[in-house]
Amino acid sequence: MAYPGQPIVNYIASLSPLYQSEEILGFCAARSLRDGTLILPHPENDGELEDAMVVVWWQGDSSRATEVLGSIMVTNAVVDYVGFHSLGKENGHSTALMAQQYEHFERKTGATLYLPYFEDELPLLAKIFRLVKSMGPKLAFDALRKMAGL
């Protein structure tokens, strides 16, 4: 059976080298390689992906389980991932990587990360992608041409 939180867990598991995929009790889970915490899809959640819950076993201990909104958990994981991959890089690197992860997560899952202030700082290219997605390629291209004075 597929659970709404499974795409979120799968995405977290792909954030290497901070997480890895692991099968636990028949579920595909994401294990933190920092502290062993396990993230699993909530087995009783049958809502929409945006409302999907995940279960977190802190340090892999099932007796220390917490139910968390999936969008909050994946956002924390992505922020850690961006921070890890931005060490020693120029200032704009983390913004560009976050924009890439924001778009990639939306494309892979159909859900969005919880970043309430980030859209104000999205690079121009990400804003153009959103325009194309909302208007369609032809209308977006025409609007961009008019804005550029072509």
Protein backbone atom coordinates (compact mmCIF):
# COMPACT_ATOMS: atom_id res chain seq x y z
CA MET A 1 0.00 0.00 0.00
CA ALA A 2 1.24 3.50 -0.81
CA TYR A 3 1.06 6.15 1.86
CA PRO A 4 0.89 9.91 1.16
CA GLY A 5 4.11 10.50 3.11
CA GLN A 6 6.16 7.98 1.10
CA PRO A 7 7.31 10.43 -1.63
CA ILE A 8 8.50 12.78 1.13
CA VAL A 9 10.42 10.00 2.87
CA ASN A 10 11.91 8.89 -0.44
CA TYR A 11 13.07 12.43 -1.16
CA ILE A 12 14.70 12.76 2.26
CA ALA A 13 16.43 9.41 1.74
CA SER A 14 17.95 10.75 -1.49
CA LEU A 15 19.72 13.64 0.29
CA SER A 16 23.14 12.03 0.35
CA PRO A 17 25.43 11.94 2.27
CA LEU A 18 23.16 13.04 5.13
CA TYR A 19 20.49 10.34 4.67
CA GLN A 20 20.14 6.91 3.15
CA SER A 21 17.24 4.68 2.24
CA GLU A 22 16.50 1.68 4.43
CA GLU A 23 13.66 -0.83 4.72
CA ILE A 24 12.12 -1.01 8.19
CA LEU A 25 9.06 -3.14 9.02
CA GLY A 26 8.13 -3.25 5.33
CA PHE A 27 8.40 0.53 4.92
CA CYS A 28 10.96 2.39 2.87
CA ALA A 29 12.49 4.75 5.44
CA ALA A 30 15.09 7.50 5.49
CA ARG A 31 17.89 7.12 8.03
CA SER A 32 19.93 10.09 9.17
CA LEU A 33 23.61 9.23 8.91
CA ARG A 34 24.36 11.82 11.60
CA ASP A 35 22.42 10.34 14.50
CA GLY A 36 20.52 7.29 13.22
CA THR A 37 17.09 8.94 13.33
CA LEU A 38 14.55 7.13 11.13
CA ILE A 39 11.81 8.83 9.13
CA LEU A 40 8.91 6.65 7.94
CA PRO A 41 5.61 7.40 6.18
CA HIS A 42 2.70 7.48 8.61
CA PRO A 43 0.78 4.23 8.07
CA GLU A 44 -2.61 5.63 9.11
CA ASN A 45 -2.47 8.87 7.15
CA ASP A 46 -4.68 8.79 4.07
CA GLY A 47 -4.89 12.51 3.30
CA GLU A 48 -3.32 14.61 0.58
CA LEU A 49 0.42 14.88 0.07
CA GLU A 50 0.49 18.47 1.38
CA ASP A 51 -1.02 17.19 4.65
CA ALA A 52 0.99 13.96 4.77
CA MET A 53 2.42 12.96 8.12
CA VAL A 54 5.63 11.09 8.76
CA VAL A 55 6.75 9.22 11.86
CA VAL A 56 10.17 10.07 13.28
CA TRP A 57 12.01 7.57 15.46
CA TRP A 58 14.58 9.75 17.23
CA GLN A 59 18.00 8.11 17.11
CA GLY A 60 16.23 5.08 15.57
CA ASP A 61 14.34 4.30 18.79
CA SER A 62 10.72 3.31 18.05
CA SER A 63 9.75 4.06 21.66
CA ARG A 64 10.70 7.72 21.03
CA ALA A 65 8.40 8.27 18.05
CA THR A 66 6.90 11.59 16.98
CA GLU A 67 4.34 12.32 14.27
CA VAL A 68 5.42 15.30 12.17
CA LEU A 69 3.96 17.09 9.17
CA GLY A 70 6.01 15.79 6.23
CA SER A 71 6.56 19.22 4.68
CA ILE A 72 8.20 20.43 7.90
CA MET A 73 10.46 17.36 8.16
CA VAL A 74 11.60 17.50 4.53
CA THR A 75 12.25 21.23 4.78
CA ASN A 76 14.55 20.66 7.76
CA ALA A 77 16.36 17.92 5.84
CA VAL A 78 16.77 20.07 2.71
CA VAL A 79 18.06 23.04 4.73
CA ASP A 80 20.69 20.74 6.30
CA TYR A 81 21.55 19.34 2.87
CA VAL A 82 22.00 22.82 1.37
CA GLY A 83 24.14 23.88 4.33
CA PHE A 84 26.33 20.79 4.00
CA HIS A 85 26.85 21.27 0.27
CA SER A 86 27.47 25.01 0.62
CA LEU A 87 30.42 24.77 3.02
CA GLY A 88 33.35 26.71 1.57
CA LYS A 89 31.34 27.96 -1.41
CA GLU A 90 30.61 31.54 -2.43
CA ASN A 91 27.64 33.37 -0.88
CA GLY A 92 25.16 32.85 -3.73
CA HIS A 93 25.74 29.10 -3.86
CA SER A 94 23.36 28.23 -1.03
CA THR A 95 20.55 30.37 -2.51
CA ALA A 96 20.98 28.75 -5.92
CA LEU A 97 21.11 25.25 -4.41
CA MET A 98 18.01 25.92 -2.29
CA ALA A 99 16.14 27.14 -5.38
CA GLN A 100 17.20 23.99 -7.23
CA GLN A 101 16.05 21.76 -4.35
CA TYR A 102 12.79 23.71 -4.03
CA GLU A 103 11.98 23.13 -7.71
CA HIS A 104 13.26 19.54 -7.69
CA PHE A 105 11.14 18.56 -4.67
CA GLU A 106 8.04 20.10 -6.24
CA ARG A 107 8.70 18.32 -9.55
CA LYS A 108 9.38 14.94 -7.89
CA THR A 109 6.53 14.94 -5.38
CA GLY A 110 3.98 17.57 -6.38
CA ALA A 111 4.30 19.10 -2.90
CA THR A 112 6.21 22.17 -1.78
CA LEU A 113 8.79 22.82 0.89
CA TYR A 114 7.80 25.00 3.83
CA LEU A 115 9.91 28.11 3.20
CA PRO A 116 7.63 31.08 3.94
CA TYR A 117 10.16 33.80 3.03
CA PHE A 118 12.24 32.04 0.41
CA GLU A 119 10.13 32.87 -2.65
CA ASP A 120 11.02 36.54 -2.18
CA GLU A 121 14.65 35.57 -2.74
CA LEU A 122 14.31 33.01 -5.54
CA PRO A 123 16.73 33.69 -8.36
CA LEU A 124 15.27 35.04 -11.59
CA LEU A 125 15.46 31.66 -13.33
CA ALA A 126 13.30 29.99 -10.68
CA LYS A 127 10.75 32.79 -11.01
CA ILE A 128 10.70 32.26 -14.78
CA PHE A 129 10.09 28.52 -14.28
CA ARG A 130 7.12 29.35 -12.02
CA LEU A 131 5.77 31.75 -14.65
CA VAL A 132 6.03 29.09 -17.36
CA LYS A 133 4.36 26.53 -15.09
CA SER A 134 1.46 28.82 -14.21
CA MET A 135 0.85 30.36 -17.65
CA GLY A 136 2.07 27.72 -20.03
CA PRO A 137 5.19 28.03 -22.19
CA LYS A 138 3.72 30.10 -25.05
CA LEU A 139 2.03 32.74 -22.89
CA ALA A 140 5.05 32.93 -20.57
CA PHE A 141 7.43 33.34 -23.50
CA ASP A 142 5.25 36.14 -24.94
CA ALA A 143 5.16 37.89 -21.55
CA LEU A 144 8.94 37.61 -21.17
CA ARG A 145 9.47 39.02 -24.67
CA LYS A 146 7.26 42.01 -23.88
CA MET A 147 9.09 42.58 -20.58
CA ALA A 148 12.42 42.50 -22.43
CA GLY A 149 11.11 44.90 -25.08
CA LEU A 150 11.41 42.43 -27.96
